[in-house]
Amino acid sequence: MIPQQKILRVFKLISILAQRPGRTLSQLAVYLEVEERTVRRYLHLLEEIGYFVDQDPVTGRYFLFEADPRQRGTFTQEESSLIRQLLAAIPTEHPLRDSIHKKVYVTSELVPLAQDLLDIHHGRMVERLARAIRDEKQVQLVRYHSTNSTSQTDRLVEPLAFTDNYTLLRAYEPASGIVKSFKIQRIEEVLLLLTPITYQDGVPPSDIFGFTDEAPSTVKLGLSTRAYRLLIEDYPAARPFTLPQTDERFPYRLEAEMRSEVGIGRFILGIPGEVVVEETQKLREYLRQRVGQFVL
């Protein structure tokens, strides 16, 4: 049985590859929070089940190939399901079987279906966590995937609040005694508990990446157009702190308070050459340290 988290990653990959102009291997790795070799395995898996994964020879971006919709009809999800059932009766060695099978996938509604399933999962997690916040009860985050330890563990937390776009949960973790941010799409399941929360100090302020670790320091970055779009797409809370500037290479500028170098550092390292650090020196030192840890 494939773990639920891996299935969700595959659906996320389908959804992002359906958006032109696509993403590079390193960007996909950052987006899925896995290593590049894992992304390659997922790409091979998509090809095995019938998706046409294409790559731009100039930019190296991967995307799902799809014919011009004006030149073809489109199978609905139900039609595709029926055709696949009929194809199952065709011998595997038949020369036309694989070709027909791939065309069924390309012309079906599988890409919207993948996004719908992601939305359903996200919505279910938000609904349960919102109930726990309302009732002031503890919850257990089942098999939460941590990028720091690269492990999946159950986490007992006390939900306090969401970010504006409902991508992060602010919660107090009794085991560590710290208020942390948890990415909702990394949660496989939420178990509602009957135990009342113990945290009574209110929700501490966080930066746009959800970190509360340290005293705030002002970070100033120059952003390429691509970096700006990725930032606003993944972290909508950054929009009020990002303004255009007169620089051809870095036409946007981010100036915001950060409480940790980890969140902003991950973003910068995921798109090398697309961001220039104007301030602070502490952030520059963090990036140099992380680059020095790369295995070449």
Protein backbone atom coordinates (compact mmCIF):
# COMPACT_ATOMS: atom_id res chain seq x y z
CA MET A 1 0.00 0.00 0.00
CA ILE A 2 1.40 3.41 -0.96
CA PRO A 3 1.40 5.82 2.04
CA GLN A 4 -1.18 8.58 1.81
CA GLN A 5 1.47 11.30 1.87
CA LYS A 6 3.12 9.90 -1.26
CA ILE A 7 -0.23 9.77 -3.06
CA LEU A 8 -0.87 13.40 -2.17
CA ARG A 9 2.56 14.35 -3.49
CA VAL A 10 1.82 12.66 -6.81
CA PHE A 11 -1.47 14.57 -7.09
CA LYS A 12 0.35 17.81 -6.25
CA LEU A 13 2.90 17.01 -8.94
CA ILE A 14 0.17 16.43 -11.53
CA SER A 15 -1.47 19.73 -10.63
CA ILE A 16 1.72 21.80 -10.81
CA LEU A 17 2.91 20.17 -14.05
CA ALA A 18 -0.41 21.06 -15.66
CA GLN A 19 0.44 24.76 -15.21
CA ARG A 20 2.65 26.29 -17.91
CA PRO A 21 5.49 27.08 -18.22
CA GLY A 22 6.21 24.22 -15.81
CA ARG A 23 8.92 23.84 -13.15
CA THR A 24 12.54 22.71 -13.07
CA LEU A 25 13.58 19.58 -11.20
CA SER A 26 14.95 21.63 -8.29
CA GLN A 27 11.76 23.70 -8.09
CA LEU A 28 9.64 20.55 -8.05
CA ALA A 29 11.82 19.14 -5.28
CA VAL A 30 11.29 22.29 -3.20
CA TYR A 31 7.56 22.34 -3.95
CA LEU A 32 7.09 18.67 -2.97
CA GLU A 33 9.66 18.90 -0.15
CA VAL A 34 11.57 15.84 -1.35
CA GLU A 35 14.95 15.13 -2.96
CA GLU A 36 15.40 15.50 -6.72
CA ARG A 37 15.86 11.76 -7.19
CA THR A 38 12.43 11.25 -5.59
CA VAL A 39 10.94 13.73 -8.08
CA ARG A 40 12.49 11.71 -10.92
CA ARG A 41 10.80 8.57 -9.58
CA TYR A 42 7.46 10.38 -9.48
CA LEU A 43 7.95 11.62 -13.05
CA HIS A 44 8.67 8.06 -14.22
CA LEU A 45 5.56 6.90 -12.37
CA LEU A 46 3.40 9.46 -14.21
CA GLU A 47 4.79 8.27 -17.53
CA GLU A 48 4.11 4.64 -16.61
CA ILE A 49 0.45 5.35 -15.89
CA GLY A 50 0.04 7.22 -19.17
CA TYR A 51 0.85 10.90 -18.65
CA PHE A 52 3.04 12.61 -21.24
CA VAL A 53 5.71 14.40 -19.19
CA ASP A 54 7.60 16.80 -21.45
CA GLN A 55 10.66 18.98 -20.80
CA ASP A 56 11.62 22.30 -22.33
CA PRO A 57 15.13 21.79 -23.83
CA VAL A 58 16.09 25.42 -23.14
CA THR A 59 14.82 26.08 -19.59
CA GLY A 60 14.77 22.47 -18.37
CA ARG A 61 11.22 22.92 -17.07
CA TYR A 62 8.95 19.89 -16.87
CA PHE A 63 5.27 20.06 -17.79
CA LEU A 64 2.40 17.83 -18.89
CA PHE A 65 2.00 17.74 -22.65
CA GLU A 66 -1.57 18.29 -23.79
CA ALA A 67 -2.88 18.69 -27.30
CA ASP A 68 -4.63 21.87 -28.37
CA PRO A 69 -8.18 21.51 -26.96
CA ARG A 70 -9.59 23.21 -30.07
CA GLN A 71 -8.34 20.27 -32.18
CA ARG A 72 -9.75 17.43 -30.11
CA GLY A 73 -12.68 16.32 -28.02
CA THR A 74 -12.36 15.62 -24.32
CA PHE A 75 -13.38 12.49 -22.44
CA THR A 76 -15.10 13.03 -19.13
CA GLN A 77 -13.90 11.20 -16.04
CA GLU A 78 -16.78 8.68 -16.36
CA GLU A 79 -16.08 8.05 -20.06
CA SER A 80 -12.40 7.54 -19.39
CA SER A 81 -13.18 5.09 -16.60
CA LEU A 82 -15.40 3.01 -18.87
CA ILE A 83 -12.84 2.98 -21.68
CA ARG A 84 -10.09 1.89 -19.30
CA GLN A 85 -12.29 -0.99 -18.14
CA LEU A 86 -12.74 -2.07 -21.75
CA LEU A 87 -9.00 -1.73 -22.38
CA ALA A 88 -8.33 -4.11 -19.49
CA ALA A 89 -9.75 -6.94 -21.61
CA ILE A 90 -7.22 -6.29 -24.43
CA PRO A 91 -4.09 -8.49 -24.21
CA THR A 92 -1.07 -6.58 -22.89
CA GLU A 93 1.00 -7.56 -25.93
CA HIS A 94 -1.44 -5.92 -28.37
CA PRO A 95 0.55 -3.24 -30.30
CA LEU A 96 -2.13 -0.54 -29.95
CA ARG A 97 -3.04 -1.07 -26.30
CA ASP A 98 -0.46 1.29 -24.73
CA SER A 99 -1.05 4.04 -27.29
CA ILE A 100 -4.81 4.05 -26.68
CA HIS A 101 -4.28 3.84 -22.94
CA LYS A 102 -2.09 6.97 -22.93
CA LYS A 103 -4.52 8.94 -25.08
CA VAL A 104 -7.34 8.15 -22.67
CA TYR A 105 -5.35 9.67 -19.80
CA VAL A 106 -4.31 12.73 -21.77
CA THR A 107 -7.89 13.53 -22.84
CA SER A 108 -9.57 12.78 -19.50
CA GLU A 109 -10.34 14.97 -16.50
CA LEU A 110 -7.58 13.51 -14.31
CA VAL A 111 -5.74 16.78 -13.77
CA PRO A 112 -8.78 18.59 -12.29
CA LEU A 113 -9.51 15.42 -10.33
CA ALA A 114 -6.05 15.53 -8.76
CA GLN A 115 -6.56 19.14 -7.69
CA ASP A 116 -10.03 18.33 -6.35
CA LEU A 117 -8.60 15.54 -4.19
CA LEU A 118 -5.95 17.89 -2.83
CA ASP A 119 -8.62 20.45 -2.01
CA ILE A 120 -10.77 17.82 -0.29
CA HIS A 121 -7.87 16.67 1.88
CA HIS A 122 -6.89 20.24 2.75
CA GLY A 123 -10.50 21.17 3.51
CA ARG A 124 -10.99 18.19 5.80
CA MET A 125 -7.87 19.03 7.80
CA VAL A 126 -8.89 22.69 8.11
CA GLU A 127 -12.42 21.78 9.22
CA ARG A 128 -11.19 19.50 12.01
CA LEU A 129 -8.55 21.93 13.18
CA ALA A 130 -11.06 24.80 13.16
CA ARG A 131 -13.35 22.71 15.36
CA ALA A 132 -10.49 22.09 17.79
CA ILE A 133 -9.67 25.83 17.89
CA ARG A 134 -13.33 26.64 18.57
CA ASP A 135 -13.65 24.02 21.32
CA GLU A 136 -10.14 24.70 22.72
CA LYS A 137 -9.15 21.03 22.51
CA GLN A 138 -5.88 19.27 21.78
CA VAL A 139 -5.39 17.31 18.55
CA GLN A 140 -2.95 14.72 17.27
CA LEU A 141 -1.34 15.40 13.90
CA VAL A 142 -0.93 11.90 12.49
CA ARG A 143 2.29 11.16 10.58
CA TYR A 144 3.30 14.78 10.22
CA HIS A 145 6.15 15.11 7.73
CA SER A 146 8.98 17.26 9.07
CA THR A 147 11.55 18.62 6.61
CA ASN A 148 13.99 19.32 9.46
CA SER A 149 14.23 15.68 10.59
CA THR A 150 13.01 14.14 7.29
CA SER A 151 10.76 11.90 9.38
CA GLN A 152 7.06 11.30 9.91
CA THR A 153 5.85 11.40 13.50
CA ASP A 154 2.61 11.88 15.41
CA ARG A 155 2.55 15.32 17.07
CA LEU A 156 0.35 16.30 20.01
CA VAL A 157 -0.49 19.99 19.63
CA GLU A 158 -2.94 22.66 20.77
CA PRO A 159 -4.29 24.52 17.68
CA LEU A 160 -4.39 28.29 18.09
CA ALA A 161 -4.92 29.94 14.68
CA PHE A 162 -4.47 29.68 10.91
CA THR A 163 -2.56 31.90 8.53
CA ASP A 164 -4.66 34.04 6.20
CA ASN A 165 -4.61 31.51 3.37
CA TYR A 166 -5.12 28.43 5.59
CA THR A 167 -1.85 26.82 4.56
CA LEU A 168 -0.23 26.95 8.01
CA LEU A 169 -1.50 26.08 11.46
CA ARG A 170 -0.16 27.97 14.48
CA ALA A 171 -0.17 25.57 17.42
CA TYR A 172 1.43 25.08 20.83
CA GLU A 173 3.38 21.84 21.20
CA PRO A 174 3.41 20.74 24.88
CA ALA A 175 6.39 18.39 24.36
CA SER A 176 8.71 21.25 23.31
CA GLY A 177 6.89 24.08 25.08
CA ILE A 178 6.98 26.17 21.89
CA VAL A 179 4.37 27.68 19.56
CA LYS A 180 5.17 26.36 16.09
CA SER A 181 3.82 26.56 12.56
CA PHE A 182 2.68 23.34 10.90
CA LYS A 183 2.06 23.04 7.17
CA ILE A 184 -1.42 21.58 6.74
CA GLN A 185 -0.63 19.62 3.58
CA ARG A 186 2.08 17.72 5.47
CA ILE A 187 -0.55 16.30 7.82
CA GLU A 188 -1.92 12.89 6.87
CA GLU A 189 -4.73 12.91 9.42
CA VAL A 190 -6.06 14.96 12.35
CA LEU A 191 -7.42 13.21 15.43
CA LEU A 192 -9.66 15.36 17.64
CA LEU A 193 -9.02 14.78 21.36
CA LEU A 194 -11.13 15.55 24.41
CA THR A 195 -8.22 17.06 26.37
CA PRO A 196 -8.55 20.85 26.90
CA ILE A 197 -5.68 23.06 25.81
CA THR A 198 -3.21 24.29 28.43
CA TYR A 199 -1.70 27.24 26.54
CA GLN A 200 -3.13 30.59 27.65
CA ASP A 201 -0.58 33.19 26.49
CA GLY A 202 -2.18 34.13 23.19
CA VAL A 203 -0.81 33.63 19.68
CA PRO A 204 2.73 35.06 19.28
CA PRO A 205 3.46 37.07 16.13
CA SER A 206 5.02 35.24 13.19
CA ASP A 207 6.73 36.24 9.96
CA ILE A 208 5.25 35.66 6.49
CA PHE A 209 6.78 32.16 6.45
CA GLY A 210 5.10 31.22 9.74
CA PHE A 211 8.19 31.31 11.98
CA THR A 212 8.15 32.71 15.53
CA ASP A 213 11.59 31.62 16.71
CA GLU A 214 13.51 34.86 17.23
CA ALA A 215 13.23 38.62 17.65
CA PRO A 216 12.23 40.29 14.36
CA SER A 217 14.84 41.64 11.95
CA THR A 218 14.17 43.45 8.69
CA VAL A 219 15.08 41.55 5.54
CA LYS A 220 15.41 43.30 2.16
CA LEU A 221 15.54 41.27 -1.04
CA GLY A 222 15.61 42.03 -4.75
CA LEU A 223 13.38 39.61 -6.66
CA SER A 224 13.28 38.59 -10.30
CA THR A 225 9.84 38.44 -11.90
CA ARG A 226 9.89 34.67 -11.53
CA ALA A 227 10.90 34.85 -7.87
CA TYR A 228 8.15 37.39 -7.21
CA ARG A 229 5.48 35.19 -8.76
CA LEU A 230 6.64 32.09 -6.86
CA LEU A 231 6.74 34.04 -3.60
CA ILE A 232 3.21 35.46 -3.99
CA GLU A 233 1.87 32.10 -5.14
CA ASP A 234 3.32 30.11 -2.23
CA TYR A 235 3.18 32.82 0.45
CA PRO A 236 0.28 35.22 -0.26
CA ALA A 237 0.95 37.05 3.01
CA ALA A 238 4.10 38.48 1.38
CA ARG A 239 2.14 40.56 -1.13
CA PRO A 240 1.77 43.73 1.02
CA PHE A 241 5.55 43.77 1.63
CA THR A 242 6.55 43.43 -2.04
CA LEU A 243 6.74 46.44 -4.35
CA PRO A 244 8.09 47.12 -7.89
CA GLN A 245 11.43 48.86 -8.30
CA THR A 246 13.51 50.21 -11.19
CA ASP A 247 15.89 47.29 -11.69
CA GLU A 248 15.77 45.28 -14.91
CA ARG A 249 17.12 42.06 -13.38
CA PHE A 250 15.32 42.32 -10.03
CA PRO A 251 12.18 44.39 -10.73
CA TYR A 252 10.58 43.64 -7.33
CA ARG A 253 11.66 44.30 -3.77
CA LEU A 254 10.64 42.47 -0.59
CA GLU A 255 11.07 44.32 2.70
CA ALA A 256 9.60 42.53 5.70
CA GLU A 257 10.31 41.44 9.25
CA MET A 258 11.60 37.88 9.62
CA ARG A 259 11.82 35.88 12.83
CA SER A 260 13.96 33.10 11.39
CA GLU A 261 16.35 32.63 8.48
CA VAL A 262 15.00 29.13 7.83
CA GLY A 263 11.81 30.00 5.94
CA ILE A 264 13.22 32.77 3.78
CA GLY A 265 16.45 30.79 3.34
CA ARG A 266 14.64 27.76 1.94
CA PHE A 267 12.85 29.98 -0.54
CA ILE A 268 16.07 31.66 -1.75
CA LEU A 269 18.04 28.41 -2.05
CA GLY A 270 15.22 26.83 -4.06
CA ILE A 271 15.59 29.38 -6.88
CA PRO A 272 19.31 30.19 -7.21
CA GLY A 273 20.16 33.35 -9.13
CA GLU A 274 16.64 34.77 -8.82
CA VAL A 275 17.08 36.66 -5.53
CA VAL A 276 19.65 39.19 -4.32
CA VAL A 277 20.02 39.75 -0.55
CA GLU A 278 20.31 43.44 0.29
CA GLU A 279 19.89 42.96 4.05
CA THR A 280 20.69 41.36 6.49
CA GLN A 281 24.20 40.08 7.10
CA LYS A 282 22.75 37.38 9.35
CA LEU A 283 20.72 36.03 6.44
CA ARG A 284 23.80 36.07 4.16
CA GLU A 285 25.76 34.07 6.75
CA TYR A 286 22.93 31.55 7.06
CA LEU A 287 22.82 31.05 3.29
CA ARG A 288 26.62 30.60 3.08
CA GLN A 289 26.43 28.00 5.85
CA ARG A 290 23.66 26.08 4.08
CA VAL A 291 25.46 26.20 0.72
CA GLY A 292 28.59 24.86 2.43
CA GLN A 293 26.59 21.82 3.54
CA PHE A 294 25.69 20.84 -0.03
CA VAL A 295 27.16 17.56 -1.22
CA LEU A 296 28.81 18.08 -4.63
